[in-house]
Amino acid sequence: MDRLTRYLITNYSVFMTVSEHAAYRAIVLEEKATRSSTAEARDKLDRAAELSDPVVRALLAGGPDAFFNQLRDRLMSERQTEIVLNLCPKCGALARTPQALQCPDCHHAWHDSVP
């Protein structure tokens, strides 16, 4: 998942649909199940209600990367005026949150420039 997509999911998940939330939960559950060595974790994934929803299955049909790209593109086109991309004034990198005052790439801080 690219930085912009992670930024949108972390800071603007309120704009995700119920089905998109369910698809995201299914991806997280699957990742946890593959990392876990217990049968219990894999069992939870099999029983996940999210995967029984045909809308969620359709969202995930192309795989996680396709879902994340589609989600990012939809949020950026439909909610463009409500989403604040907090870019570093020095290097232009995307900060971690809309309120962040330090760049994660070049570590430039702009605390003094905020009134």
C-alpha atoms as a PDB file:
ATOM      1  CA  MET A   1       0.000   0.000   0.000  1.00  0.00           C
ATOM      2  CA  ASP A   2       1.416   3.377  -0.942  1.00  0.00           C
ATOM      3  CA  ARG A   3       1.803   6.285   1.448  1.00  0.00           C
ATOM      4  CA  LEU A   4      -1.187   8.254   0.125  1.00  0.00           C
ATOM      5  CA  THR A   5      -3.523   5.277   0.483  1.00  0.00           C
ATOM      6  CA  ARG A   6      -2.314   4.595   4.027  1.00  0.00           C
ATOM      7  CA  TYR A   7      -2.759   8.311   4.853  1.00  0.00           C
ATOM      8  CA  LEU A   8      -6.334   8.261   3.553  1.00  0.00           C
ATOM      9  CA  ILE A   9      -7.293   5.075   5.404  1.00  0.00           C
ATOM     10  CA  THR A  10      -5.700   6.251   8.641  1.00  0.00           C
ATOM     11  CA  ASN A  11      -7.030   9.801   8.602  1.00  0.00           C
ATOM     12  CA  TYR A  12     -10.157   9.721   6.450  1.00  0.00           C
ATOM     13  CA  SER A  13     -11.720   6.296   7.023  1.00  0.00           C
ATOM     14  CA  VAL A  14     -14.926   8.137   7.911  1.00  0.00           C
ATOM     15  CA  PHE A  15     -15.427   8.564   4.153  1.00  0.00           C
ATOM     16  CA  MET A  16     -15.219   4.815   3.468  1.00  0.00           C
ATOM     17  CA  THR A  17     -18.447   2.957   2.769  1.00  0.00           C
ATOM     18  CA  VAL A  18     -19.654   0.126   5.001  1.00  0.00           C
ATOM     19  CA  SER A  19     -18.598  -2.378   2.326  1.00  0.00           C
ATOM     20  CA  GLU A  20     -15.146  -0.782   2.006  1.00  0.00           C
ATOM     21  CA  HIS A  21     -14.688  -1.013   5.782  1.00  0.00           C
ATOM     22  CA  ALA A  22     -15.687  -4.681   5.650  1.00  0.00           C
ATOM     23  CA  ALA A  23     -13.284  -5.346   2.764  1.00  0.00           C
ATOM     24  CA  TYR A  24     -10.467  -3.627   4.665  1.00  0.00           C
ATOM     25  CA  ARG A  25     -11.227  -5.742   7.764  1.00  0.00           C
ATOM     26  CA  ALA A  26     -11.169  -8.877   5.616  1.00  0.00           C
ATOM     27  CA  ILE A  27      -7.736  -7.926   4.245  1.00  0.00           C
ATOM     28  CA  VAL A  28      -6.417  -7.307   7.758  1.00  0.00           C
ATOM     29  CA  LEU A  29      -7.870 -10.608   8.999  1.00  0.00           C
ATOM     30  CA  GLU A  30      -6.311 -12.481   6.094  1.00  0.00           C
ATOM     31  CA  GLU A  31      -2.922 -10.905   6.740  1.00  0.00           C
ATOM     32  CA  LYS A  32      -3.122 -11.810  10.431  1.00  0.00           C
ATOM     33  CA  ALA A  33      -4.184 -15.358   9.587  1.00  0.00           C
ATOM     34  CA  THR A  34      -1.266 -15.863   7.208  1.00  0.00           C
ATOM     35  CA  ARG A  35       1.176 -14.553   9.816  1.00  0.00           C
ATOM     36  CA  SER A  36      -0.297 -16.693  12.567  1.00  0.00           C
ATOM     37  CA  SER A  37       0.637 -20.291  13.079  1.00  0.00           C
ATOM     38  CA  THR A  38      -2.559 -21.126  14.920  1.00  0.00           C
ATOM     39  CA  ALA A  39      -5.539 -22.805  13.374  1.00  0.00           C
ATOM     40  CA  GLU A  40      -7.768 -20.490  15.426  1.00  0.00           C
ATOM     41  CA  ALA A  41      -6.681 -17.432  13.432  1.00  0.00           C
ATOM     42  CA  ARG A  42      -7.309 -19.216  10.137  1.00  0.00           C
ATOM     43  CA  ASP A  43     -10.691 -20.333  11.476  1.00  0.00           C
ATOM     44  CA  LYS A  44     -11.666 -16.714  12.217  1.00  0.00           C
ATOM     45  CA  LEU A  45     -10.879 -15.772   8.642  1.00  0.00           C
ATOM     46  CA  ASP A  46     -13.024 -18.601   7.296  1.00  0.00           C
ATOM     47  CA  ARG A  47     -15.938 -17.510   9.476  1.00  0.00           C
ATOM     48  CA  ALA A  48     -15.536 -13.798   8.735  1.00  0.00           C
ATOM     49  CA  ALA A  49     -18.930 -12.327   7.916  1.00  0.00           C
ATOM     50  CA  GLU A  50     -17.213  -9.836   5.606  1.00  0.00           C
ATOM     51  CA  LEU A  51     -16.330 -12.556   3.122  1.00  0.00           C
ATOM     52  CA  SER A  52     -19.921 -13.755   2.808  1.00  0.00           C
ATOM     53  CA  ASP A  53     -21.084 -10.366   1.487  1.00  0.00           C
ATOM     54  CA  PRO A  54     -21.153 -10.371  -2.340  1.00  0.00           C
ATOM     55  CA  VAL A  55     -20.347  -6.636  -2.472  1.00  0.00           C
ATOM     56  CA  VAL A  56     -17.231  -7.188  -0.361  1.00  0.00           C
ATOM     57  CA  ARG A  57     -16.182 -10.163  -2.487  1.00  0.00           C
ATOM     58  CA  ALA A  58     -16.600  -7.971  -5.588  1.00  0.00           C
ATOM     59  CA  LEU A  59     -14.429  -5.245  -4.028  1.00  0.00           C
ATOM     60  CA  LEU A  60     -11.726  -7.818  -3.280  1.00  0.00           C
ATOM     61  CA  ALA A  61     -11.994  -9.682  -6.600  1.00  0.00           C
ATOM     62  CA  GLY A  62      -8.875  -8.011  -8.004  1.00  0.00           C
ATOM     63  CA  GLY A  63      -6.878  -8.530  -4.825  1.00  0.00           C
ATOM     64  CA  PRO A  64      -5.832  -6.136  -2.058  1.00  0.00           C
ATOM     65  CA  ASP A  65      -3.717  -3.870  -4.272  1.00  0.00           C
ATOM     66  CA  ALA A  66      -6.561  -3.297  -6.707  1.00  0.00           C
ATOM     67  CA  PHE A  67      -8.940  -2.615  -3.805  1.00  0.00           C
ATOM     68  CA  PHE A  68      -6.569  -0.078  -2.239  1.00  0.00           C
ATOM     69  CA  ASN A  69      -6.005   1.682  -5.570  1.00  0.00           C
ATOM     70  CA  GLN A  70      -9.740   1.852  -6.240  1.00  0.00           C
ATOM     71  CA  LEU A  71     -10.412   3.160  -2.716  1.00  0.00           C
ATOM     72  CA  ARG A  72      -7.698   5.825  -3.004  1.00  0.00           C
ATOM     73  CA  ASP A  73      -8.957   6.969  -6.398  1.00  0.00           C
ATOM     74  CA  ARG A  74     -12.579   7.137  -5.222  1.00  0.00           C
ATOM     75  CA  LEU A  75     -11.756   9.104  -2.083  1.00  0.00           C
ATOM     76  CA  MET A  76      -9.531  11.552  -3.961  1.00  0.00           C
ATOM     77  CA  SER A  77     -12.153  12.187  -6.643  1.00  0.00           C
ATOM     78  CA  GLU A  78     -15.317  12.267  -4.495  1.00  0.00           C
ATOM     79  CA  ARG A  79     -13.941  13.936  -1.347  1.00  0.00           C
ATOM     80  CA  GLN A  80     -11.205  16.136  -2.804  1.00  0.00           C
ATOM     81  CA  THR A  81     -12.467  19.295  -1.096  1.00  0.00           C
ATOM     82  CA  GLU A  82     -12.669  17.605   2.323  1.00  0.00           C
ATOM     83  CA  ILE A  83      -9.291  15.867   2.290  1.00  0.00           C
ATOM     84  CA  VAL A  84      -6.264  17.859   3.401  1.00  0.00           C
ATOM     85  CA  LEU A  85      -2.967  16.594   2.038  1.00  0.00           C
ATOM     86  CA  ASN A  86      -0.359  17.859   4.479  1.00  0.00           C
ATOM     87  CA  LEU A  87       2.775  18.247   2.365  1.00  0.00           C
ATOM     88  CA  CYS A  88       6.220  19.182   3.615  1.00  0.00           C
ATOM     89  CA  PRO A  89       7.039  22.757   2.580  1.00  0.00           C
ATOM     90  CA  LYS A  90      10.682  21.773   2.031  1.00  0.00           C
ATOM     91  CA  CYS A  91      10.581  18.521   0.041  1.00  0.00           C
ATOM     92  CA  GLY A  92       6.873  18.052  -0.754  1.00  0.00           C
ATOM     93  CA  ALA A  93       6.554  14.642   0.933  1.00  0.00           C
ATOM     94  CA  LEU A  94       3.237  13.682   2.496  1.00  0.00           C
ATOM     95  CA  ALA A  95       3.247  14.009   6.297  1.00  0.00           C
ATOM     96  CA  ARG A  96       1.797  11.220   8.430  1.00  0.00           C
ATOM     97  CA  THR A  97      -1.318  13.120   9.525  1.00  0.00           C
ATOM     98  CA  PRO A  98      -3.138  16.303   8.493  1.00  0.00           C
ATOM     99  CA  GLN A  99      -1.922  17.930  11.745  1.00  0.00           C
ATOM    100  CA  ALA A 100       1.725  16.774  11.565  1.00  0.00           C
ATOM    101  CA  LEU A 101       4.375  19.473  11.642  1.00  0.00           C
ATOM    102  CA  GLN A 102       7.411  17.355  10.757  1.00  0.00           C
ATOM    103  CA  CYS A 103       8.313  15.582   7.533  1.00  0.00           C
ATOM    104  CA  PRO A 104       8.814  11.811   7.738  1.00  0.00           C
ATOM    105  CA  ASP A 105      11.316  11.944   4.854  1.00  0.00           C
ATOM    106  CA  CYS A 106      13.587  14.960   5.303  1.00  0.00           C
ATOM    107  CA  HIS A 107      12.654  15.577   8.985  1.00  0.00           C
ATOM    108  CA  HIS A 108      12.053  19.257   8.295  1.00  0.00           C
ATOM    109  CA  ALA A 109       9.859  20.773  11.016  1.00  0.00           C
ATOM    110  CA  TRP A 110       7.495  23.676  10.436  1.00  0.00           C
ATOM    111  CA  HIS A 111       6.298  24.178  14.027  1.00  0.00           C
ATOM    112  CA  ASP A 112       7.315  27.853  13.958  1.00  0.00           C
ATOM    113  CA  SER A 113       5.324  28.666  10.831  1.00  0.00           C
ATOM    114  CA  VAL A 114       1.957  27.743  12.414  1.00  0.00           C
ATOM    115  CA  PRO A 115       0.179  30.633  14.186  1.00  0.00           C
END
